[in-house]
Amino acid sequence: MISAQIVKSCLEELTAITKVEFCVQDLNGTLFAKTDNAEVPEESMIVNFCRQPVDSQIIKDHYFFKIMEDDEPVFALTAIGGGEYTMMVAKIAVSELQNLMQAYREKYDRNNFFQNLLLDNLLLVDIHNRAKKLHVNFTAPRAVILIEIETEGDNVAADLIGGIFTAGNGDYLTEVDENSVILIKAVNAMDDYQTVQEAAQICVDMLNTEAMLNVRASYGTIVEDLRSISKSYKEARMAMDVGKIFYAQKNVISYNELGIGRLIYQLPSNLCHVFINEVFGENVPETLDNETLSTINTFFENNLNVSETSRKLFIHRNTLVYRIEKLQKATGLDIRVFEDALTFKIALMVMDYLKYLDAKDY
């Protein structure tokens, strides 16, 4: 529903140009919006006018017009002043308000359509019919980008993103909760993930720098038609959760790049506990200090190369070897051996996942 403030702004602009005063009331005669100097007709006068089968009426120096929506009257507009000029201006005002109402209704309906589409609440026949009515192309490659905002500011985020990605380009913006904004991004081909990645990065960079918001973005796979949009949304949602657990250093994460993190995320917690006990036995490391974690991660990043790792860490080779042997003594795993390194890496990820589950339950 269009707001009274928008109607008032539209009428004030017309009044500033034409010098004609306007008043808009609902079918019961209750005031909805008016210009500053407009007289408000009596409620009974408006009710009587709305009950008549005519679209317009002249009473003294007041021109009454019905504002229609789907061929049904929803408001009555009064233009104050006599003569053909006032009548012509009033007709322009009615046309402007009806077009505005239609535009806002389509925007609301389209937003509602995409929300239900993302949540998989529509039948296939309903998707086809509503897409046609709302002028949304049913068959077009698209991907869902989920922008999650850690601080308040989703309205600011939606406004900024909406200024770049518009429906005219085939992109649609909506929200399904108060902490996130969802961009349904149109692409040129089913394998055009570079475009999706760039769009997600633009959203993150712009909101971080211009709105000073702390945001993360994730996106699902590209789908070929509207009925599969919910699949891409679920993938983007999973990518967001998995990214927070295993790839916290990334502010944009793709479902296609989750790797083993996606597998671990779908494991039941009891199976994770069994795996940790099998790997470490009674020597489960509850916490690892930052120095140890930095050493392990750098060692993995450099393909288990001791010399390259010590150079990157700015430490002596023997110091690195000492740290690795200390870790081996504590856990029973020698990360210089590929199989032990692989086991240790997976174990660390599983432990991160269990910590996430504990925090979530708490």
Protein backbone atom coordinates (compact mmCIF):
# COMPACT_ATOMS: atom_id res chain seq x y z
CA MET A 1 0.00 0.00 0.00
CA ILE A 2 1.29 3.42 -0.95
CA SER A 3 2.02 5.69 2.02
CA ALA A 4 0.25 8.96 2.79
CA GLN A 5 3.59 10.80 2.77
CA ILE A 6 4.31 9.75 -0.82
CA VAL A 7 0.84 10.84 -1.94
CA LYS A 8 1.25 14.15 -0.12
CA SER A 9 4.65 14.77 -1.76
CA CYS A 10 3.23 14.05 -5.21
CA LEU A 11 0.30 16.42 -4.66
CA GLU A 12 2.54 19.18 -3.28
CA GLU A 13 4.71 19.01 -6.40
CA LEU A 14 1.63 19.35 -8.60
CA THR A 15 0.35 22.23 -6.47
CA ALA A 16 3.68 24.03 -6.73
CA ILE A 17 3.42 23.85 -10.54
CA THR A 18 -0.31 24.34 -11.08
CA LYS A 19 -1.40 26.32 -7.95
CA VAL A 20 -4.33 23.91 -7.55
CA GLU A 21 -4.93 22.51 -4.04
CA PHE A 22 -5.74 18.82 -3.55
CA CYS A 23 -7.21 16.57 -0.89
CA VAL A 24 -7.30 12.74 -0.86
CA GLN A 25 -9.75 10.80 1.34
CA ASP A 26 -10.65 7.14 1.64
CA LEU A 27 -14.09 5.77 0.76
CA ASN A 28 -15.36 6.60 4.25
CA GLY A 29 -14.29 10.22 3.97
CA THR A 30 -11.30 9.87 6.32
CA LEU A 31 -8.45 12.19 5.38
CA PHE A 32 -5.47 10.40 3.82
CA ALA A 33 -3.35 13.26 2.46
CA LYS A 34 -3.72 16.89 1.41
CA THR A 35 -1.78 19.94 0.36
CA ASP A 36 -1.24 22.68 2.95
CA ASN A 37 -4.05 25.05 1.95
CA ALA A 38 -6.63 22.51 0.78
CA GLU A 39 -10.07 22.35 2.35
CA VAL A 40 -11.19 18.94 3.58
CA PRO A 41 -14.71 18.08 2.29
CA GLU A 42 -17.23 16.65 4.73
CA GLU A 43 -17.09 12.88 5.14
CA SER A 44 -20.73 12.47 4.14
CA MET A 45 -20.07 14.27 0.85
CA ILE A 46 -17.26 11.85 -0.03
CA VAL A 47 -19.27 8.78 1.01
CA ASN A 48 -22.21 9.86 -1.18
CA PHE A 49 -19.91 10.51 -4.12
CA CYS A 50 -18.16 7.11 -3.79
CA ARG A 51 -21.52 5.30 -3.75
CA GLN A 52 -22.54 6.79 -7.09
CA PRO A 53 -21.67 4.99 -10.36
CA VAL A 54 -19.88 8.06 -11.80
CA ASP A 55 -16.07 8.54 -11.81
CA SER A 56 -16.18 12.31 -11.33
CA GLN A 57 -18.48 15.01 -10.04
CA ILE A 58 -18.57 18.79 -9.71
CA ILE A 59 -20.09 20.46 -6.67
CA LYS A 60 -19.69 24.25 -6.62
CA ASP A 61 -15.96 24.89 -7.04
CA HIS A 62 -14.90 21.36 -5.99
CA TYR A 63 -14.00 18.67 -8.51
CA PHE A 64 -14.32 15.11 -7.17
CA PHE A 65 -12.56 12.17 -8.85
CA LYS A 66 -12.33 8.51 -7.92
CA ILE A 67 -8.86 6.98 -7.77
CA MET A 68 -9.16 3.42 -9.06
CA GLU A 69 -7.22 0.23 -8.46
CA ASP A 70 -8.17 -2.90 -10.43
CA ASP A 71 -11.29 -1.07 -11.63
CA GLU A 72 -12.41 -0.48 -8.04
CA PRO A 73 -12.38 2.91 -6.25
CA VAL A 74 -9.94 3.12 -3.34
CA PHE A 75 -9.67 6.89 -2.78
CA ALA A 76 -11.47 10.09 -3.65
CA LEU A 77 -9.48 13.10 -4.84
CA THR A 78 -10.82 16.62 -4.46
CA ALA A 79 -9.40 19.50 -6.50
CA ILE A 80 -10.33 22.95 -5.23
CA GLY A 81 -11.04 25.61 -7.83
CA GLY A 82 -13.35 26.13 -10.77
CA GLY A 83 -13.00 25.96 -14.53
CA GLU A 84 -11.62 23.63 -17.17
CA TYR A 85 -8.06 24.24 -15.99
CA THR A 86 -8.72 22.76 -12.55
CA MET A 87 -10.49 19.77 -14.11
CA MET A 88 -7.54 19.10 -16.41
CA VAL A 89 -5.04 19.35 -13.55
CA ALA A 90 -7.21 17.07 -11.40
CA LYS A 91 -7.24 14.43 -14.15
CA ILE A 92 -3.44 14.62 -14.31
CA ALA A 93 -3.26 14.19 -10.53
CA VAL A 94 -5.54 11.13 -10.67
CA SER A 95 -3.42 9.59 -13.42
CA GLU A 96 -0.20 10.23 -11.48
CA LEU A 97 -1.57 8.73 -8.26
CA GLN A 98 -2.97 5.67 -10.02
CA ASN A 99 0.38 5.04 -11.71
CA LEU A 100 2.20 5.50 -8.41
CA MET A 101 -0.14 3.06 -6.67
CA GLN A 102 0.35 0.52 -9.42
CA ALA A 103 4.12 0.85 -9.22
CA TYR A 104 4.16 0.43 -5.44
CA ARG A 105 1.77 -2.49 -5.64
CA GLU A 106 3.94 -4.24 -8.23
CA LYS A 107 6.99 -3.61 -6.07
CA TYR A 108 5.26 -5.11 -3.04
CA ASP A 109 3.86 -8.04 -5.02
CA ARG A 110 7.23 -8.72 -6.61
CA ASN A 111 8.96 -8.63 -3.23
CA ASN A 112 6.35 -10.99 -1.79
CA PHE A 113 6.73 -13.27 -4.82
CA PHE A 114 10.49 -13.60 -4.44
CA GLN A 115 10.25 -14.13 -0.68
CA ASN A 116 7.89 -17.07 -1.19
CA LEU A 117 10.03 -18.30 -4.06
CA LEU A 118 13.17 -18.35 -1.89
CA LEU A 119 11.35 -20.14 0.92
CA ASP A 120 9.91 -22.69 -1.54
CA ASN A 121 6.31 -21.81 -0.69
CA LEU A 122 4.92 -21.77 -4.25
CA LEU A 123 3.62 -24.44 -6.58
CA LEU A 124 5.12 -24.61 -10.07
CA VAL A 125 1.90 -23.37 -11.71
CA ASP A 126 1.79 -20.41 -9.30
CA ILE A 127 5.40 -19.54 -10.13
CA HIS A 128 4.60 -19.45 -13.85
CA ASN A 129 1.42 -17.39 -13.43
CA ARG A 130 2.80 -14.83 -10.98
CA ALA A 131 6.06 -14.44 -12.91
CA LYS A 132 4.08 -13.64 -16.05
CA LYS A 133 1.87 -11.16 -14.20
CA LEU A 134 4.86 -9.41 -12.62
CA HIS A 135 6.84 -9.38 -15.89
CA VAL A 136 9.63 -11.57 -14.49
CA ASN A 137 11.42 -13.79 -16.99
CA PHE A 138 10.87 -17.41 -15.91
CA THR A 139 13.80 -18.93 -17.78
CA ALA A 140 17.05 -17.07 -17.17
CA PRO A 141 20.29 -18.05 -15.40
CA ARG A 142 20.42 -16.56 -11.90
CA ALA A 143 22.24 -17.05 -8.60
CA VAL A 144 21.28 -16.02 -5.09
CA ILE A 145 23.71 -13.79 -3.19
CA LEU A 146 23.12 -13.60 0.56
CA ILE A 147 24.48 -10.48 2.29
CA GLU A 148 24.45 -10.88 6.07
CA ILE A 149 24.77 -7.80 8.26
CA GLU A 150 26.23 -8.25 11.74
CA THR A 151 25.10 -4.80 12.89
CA GLU A 152 21.82 -2.92 12.42
CA GLY A 153 21.53 -1.34 9.00
CA ASP A 154 19.66 -3.67 6.66
CA ASN A 155 17.56 -0.76 5.33
CA VAL A 156 20.69 1.21 4.46
CA ALA A 157 22.19 -1.88 2.87
CA ALA A 158 19.10 -2.50 0.74
CA ASP A 159 19.05 1.10 -0.47
CA LEU A 160 22.73 1.10 -1.43
CA ILE A 161 22.61 -2.27 -3.17
CA GLY A 162 19.35 -1.36 -4.89
CA GLY A 163 21.06 1.68 -6.40
CA ILE A 164 23.45 -0.60 -8.31
CA PHE A 165 21.51 -3.78 -9.06
CA THR A 166 18.09 -3.00 -10.54
CA ALA A 167 15.15 -4.93 -11.94
CA GLY A 168 15.85 -3.30 -15.29
CA ASN A 169 19.00 -5.40 -15.50
CA GLY A 170 17.20 -8.54 -14.38
CA ASP A 171 18.43 -8.29 -10.75
CA TYR A 172 15.99 -8.41 -7.84
CA LEU A 173 16.47 -7.47 -4.20
CA THR A 174 14.47 -8.80 -1.26
CA GLU A 175 14.72 -9.76 2.41
CA VAL A 176 13.57 -12.78 4.39
CA ASP A 177 14.79 -11.74 7.83
CA GLU A 178 16.00 -8.63 9.63
CA ASN A 179 19.71 -9.46 9.44
CA SER A 180 20.21 -10.08 5.75
CA VAL A 181 19.59 -8.77 2.27
CA ILE A 182 19.21 -11.12 -0.69
CA LEU A 183 20.25 -10.25 -4.22
CA ILE A 184 18.95 -12.49 -7.00
CA LYS A 185 21.62 -11.83 -9.61
CA ALA A 186 21.01 -12.38 -13.31
CA VAL A 187 23.97 -13.69 -15.30
CA ASN A 188 24.68 -14.35 -18.96
CA ALA A 189 25.42 -18.08 -18.79
CA MET A 190 25.18 -21.05 -16.46
CA ASP A 191 28.93 -20.98 -15.83
CA ASP A 192 29.29 -17.22 -15.31
CA TYR A 193 30.46 -17.44 -11.70
CA GLN A 194 32.94 -14.60 -12.19
CA THR A 195 30.01 -12.16 -12.52
CA VAL A 196 28.41 -13.51 -9.33
CA GLN A 197 31.70 -13.29 -7.43
CA GLU A 198 32.27 -9.70 -8.57
CA ALA A 199 28.71 -8.69 -7.62
CA ALA A 200 29.09 -10.20 -4.14
CA GLN A 201 32.45 -8.49 -3.65
CA ILE A 202 31.02 -5.14 -4.78
CA CYS A 203 28.24 -5.44 -2.17
CA VAL A 204 30.68 -6.26 0.63
CA ASP A 205 33.20 -3.56 -0.29
CA MET A 206 30.56 -0.87 -0.73
CA LEU A 207 28.76 -1.62 2.54
CA ASN A 208 32.02 -1.89 4.46
CA THR A 209 33.39 1.41 3.18
CA GLU A 210 30.35 3.63 2.50
CA ALA A 211 27.92 2.44 5.18
CA MET A 212 30.57 1.29 7.68
CA LEU A 213 28.69 -1.99 8.13
CA ASN A 214 30.28 -5.30 9.03
CA VAL A 215 28.98 -7.68 6.36
CA ARG A 216 29.69 -11.05 4.81
CA ALA A 217 28.38 -12.46 1.54
CA SER A 218 27.83 -15.93 0.19
CA TYR A 219 26.28 -17.27 -2.97
CA GLY A 220 24.82 -20.51 -4.31
CA THR A 221 25.07 -22.17 -7.68
CA ILE A 222 23.62 -20.66 -10.85
CA VAL A 223 20.19 -22.09 -11.67
CA GLU A 224 18.40 -22.01 -14.99
CA ASP A 225 14.88 -20.95 -14.00
CA LEU A 226 12.77 -19.49 -11.19
CA ARG A 227 11.64 -22.82 -9.75
CA SER A 228 15.24 -23.58 -8.72
CA ILE A 229 15.87 -20.23 -6.99
CA SER A 230 15.12 -21.79 -3.58
CA LYS A 231 17.90 -24.33 -4.21
CA SER A 232 20.44 -21.55 -4.82
CA TYR A 233 19.20 -19.74 -1.70
CA LYS A 234 19.63 -22.83 0.49
CA GLU A 235 23.14 -23.28 -0.90
CA ALA A 236 23.98 -19.64 -0.16
CA ARG A 237 22.65 -20.05 3.37
CA MET A 238 24.78 -23.17 3.89
CA ALA A 239 27.81 -21.40 2.42
CA MET A 240 27.31 -18.56 4.92
CA ASP A 241 27.21 -20.94 7.89
CA VAL A 242 30.12 -23.08 6.67
CA GLY A 243 32.16 -19.97 5.87
CA LYS A 244 31.77 -18.64 9.41
CA ILE A 245 33.03 -21.92 10.86
CA PHE A 246 35.90 -22.88 8.56
CA TYR A 247 36.76 -19.83 6.45
CA ALA A 248 36.33 -16.91 8.83
CA GLN A 249 39.06 -14.92 7.06
CA LYS A 250 36.95 -14.71 3.88
CA ASN A 251 34.19 -12.12 3.56
CA VAL A 252 32.81 -13.68 0.34
CA ILE A 253 32.31 -17.44 0.12
CA SER A 254 30.92 -19.57 -2.71
CA TYR A 255 28.97 -22.80 -2.26
CA ASN A 256 31.18 -24.37 -4.94
CA GLU A 257 34.32 -23.63 -2.90
CA LEU A 258 33.29 -25.10 0.46
CA GLY A 259 35.31 -28.27 -0.12
CA ILE A 260 35.59 -30.59 2.85
CA GLY A 261 33.93 -27.98 5.07
CA ARG A 262 30.60 -28.76 3.40
CA LEU A 263 31.04 -32.47 4.16
CA ILE A 264 31.89 -31.89 7.83
CA TYR A 265 28.99 -29.45 8.22
CA GLN A 266 26.54 -32.21 7.29
CA LEU A 267 27.95 -34.77 9.76
CA PRO A 268 26.02 -35.57 12.96
CA SER A 269 27.75 -34.39 16.13
CA ASN A 270 28.04 -37.88 17.64
CA LEU A 271 30.01 -39.06 14.61
CA CYS A 272 32.30 -36.03 14.95
CA HIS A 273 32.99 -36.89 18.57
CA VAL A 274 33.81 -40.49 17.62
CA PHE A 275 36.27 -39.26 14.99
CA ILE A 276 38.03 -36.87 17.42
CA ASN A 277 38.39 -39.64 20.00
CA GLU A 278 39.81 -42.00 17.37
CA VAL A 279 42.39 -39.41 16.27
CA PHE A 280 43.53 -38.07 19.64
CA GLY A 281 42.35 -40.64 22.16
CA GLU A 282 42.76 -39.10 25.61
CA ASN A 283 45.03 -36.35 24.27
CA VAL A 284 42.33 -34.16 22.70
CA PRO A 285 43.75 -30.62 22.48
CA GLU A 286 41.05 -28.42 23.99
CA THR A 287 42.67 -25.23 22.74
CA LEU A 288 45.75 -24.37 20.70
CA ASP A 289 47.58 -21.10 21.29
CA ASN A 290 47.91 -18.56 18.50
CA GLU A 291 51.59 -19.37 17.94
CA THR A 292 50.87 -23.07 17.43
CA LEU A 293 47.89 -22.39 15.15
CA SER A 294 49.92 -19.92 13.08
CA THR A 295 52.72 -22.47 12.75
CA ILE A 296 50.35 -25.26 11.68
CA ASN A 297 48.42 -23.14 9.16
CA THR A 298 51.58 -21.70 7.58
CA PHE A 299 53.07 -25.19 7.38
CA PHE A 300 49.98 -26.45 5.56
CA GLU A 301 49.88 -23.42 3.25
CA ASN A 302 53.48 -24.14 2.21
CA ASN A 303 52.80 -27.79 1.37
CA LEU A 304 54.61 -29.20 4.45
CA ASN A 305 57.85 -27.55 3.39
CA VAL A 306 59.92 -26.90 6.54
CA SER A 307 62.39 -24.48 4.94
CA GLU A 308 59.73 -22.33 3.25
CA THR A 309 57.57 -22.31 6.38
CA SER A 310 60.43 -21.17 8.65
CA ARG A 311 61.22 -18.41 6.15
CA LYS A 312 57.60 -17.21 6.12
CA LEU A 313 57.42 -17.27 9.91
CA PHE A 314 60.81 -15.56 10.28
CA ILE A 315 62.05 -18.27 12.61
CA HIS A 316 65.00 -20.67 12.52
CA ARG A 317 64.43 -24.05 10.93
CA ASN A 318 65.30 -25.80 14.19
CA THR A 319 62.70 -23.71 16.04
CA LEU A 320 60.04 -24.88 13.60
CA VAL A 321 61.13 -28.49 13.94
CA TYR A 322 60.97 -28.13 17.73
CA ARG A 323 57.40 -26.80 17.54
CA ILE A 324 56.34 -29.65 15.24
CA GLU A 325 57.90 -32.29 17.47
CA LYS A 326 56.26 -30.70 20.52
CA LEU A 327 52.90 -30.93 18.74
CA GLN A 328 53.63 -34.55 17.82
CA LYS A 329 54.38 -35.39 21.44
CA ALA A 330 51.12 -33.80 22.58
CA THR A 331 48.82 -35.27 19.90
CA GLY A 332 50.61 -38.31 18.51
CA LEU A 333 50.52 -36.86 14.97
CA ASP A 334 53.56 -35.81 12.96
CA ILE A 335 52.31 -33.17 10.56
CA ARG A 336 55.50 -33.57 8.47
CA VAL A 337 53.94 -36.84 7.25
CA PHE A 338 51.21 -36.27 4.68
CA GLU A 339 48.70 -38.74 6.15
CA ASP A 340 49.11 -37.31 9.66
CA ALA A 341 48.91 -33.76 8.28
CA LEU A 342 45.67 -34.59 6.47
CA THR A 343 44.21 -36.21 9.57
CA PHE A 344 45.22 -33.27 11.75
CA LYS A 345 43.76 -30.72 9.32
CA ILE A 346 40.42 -32.54 9.22
CA ALA A 347 40.45 -32.96 13.00
CA LEU A 348 40.94 -29.23 13.49
CA MET A 349 37.98 -28.50 11.20
CA VAL A 350 35.81 -31.04 13.02
CA MET A 351 36.73 -29.44 16.35
CA ASP A 352 35.78 -26.01 14.99
CA TYR A 353 32.44 -27.47 13.89
CA LEU A 354 31.79 -28.96 17.34
CA LYS A 355 32.58 -25.60 18.96
CA TYR A 356 30.07 -23.99 16.58
CA LEU A 357 27.40 -26.53 17.55
CA ASP A 358 28.07 -26.00 21.26
CA ALA A 359 27.79 -22.22 20.88
CA LYS A 360 24.61 -22.63 18.84
CA ASP A 361 22.99 -24.88 21.45
CA TYR A 362 24.02 -22.50 24.20
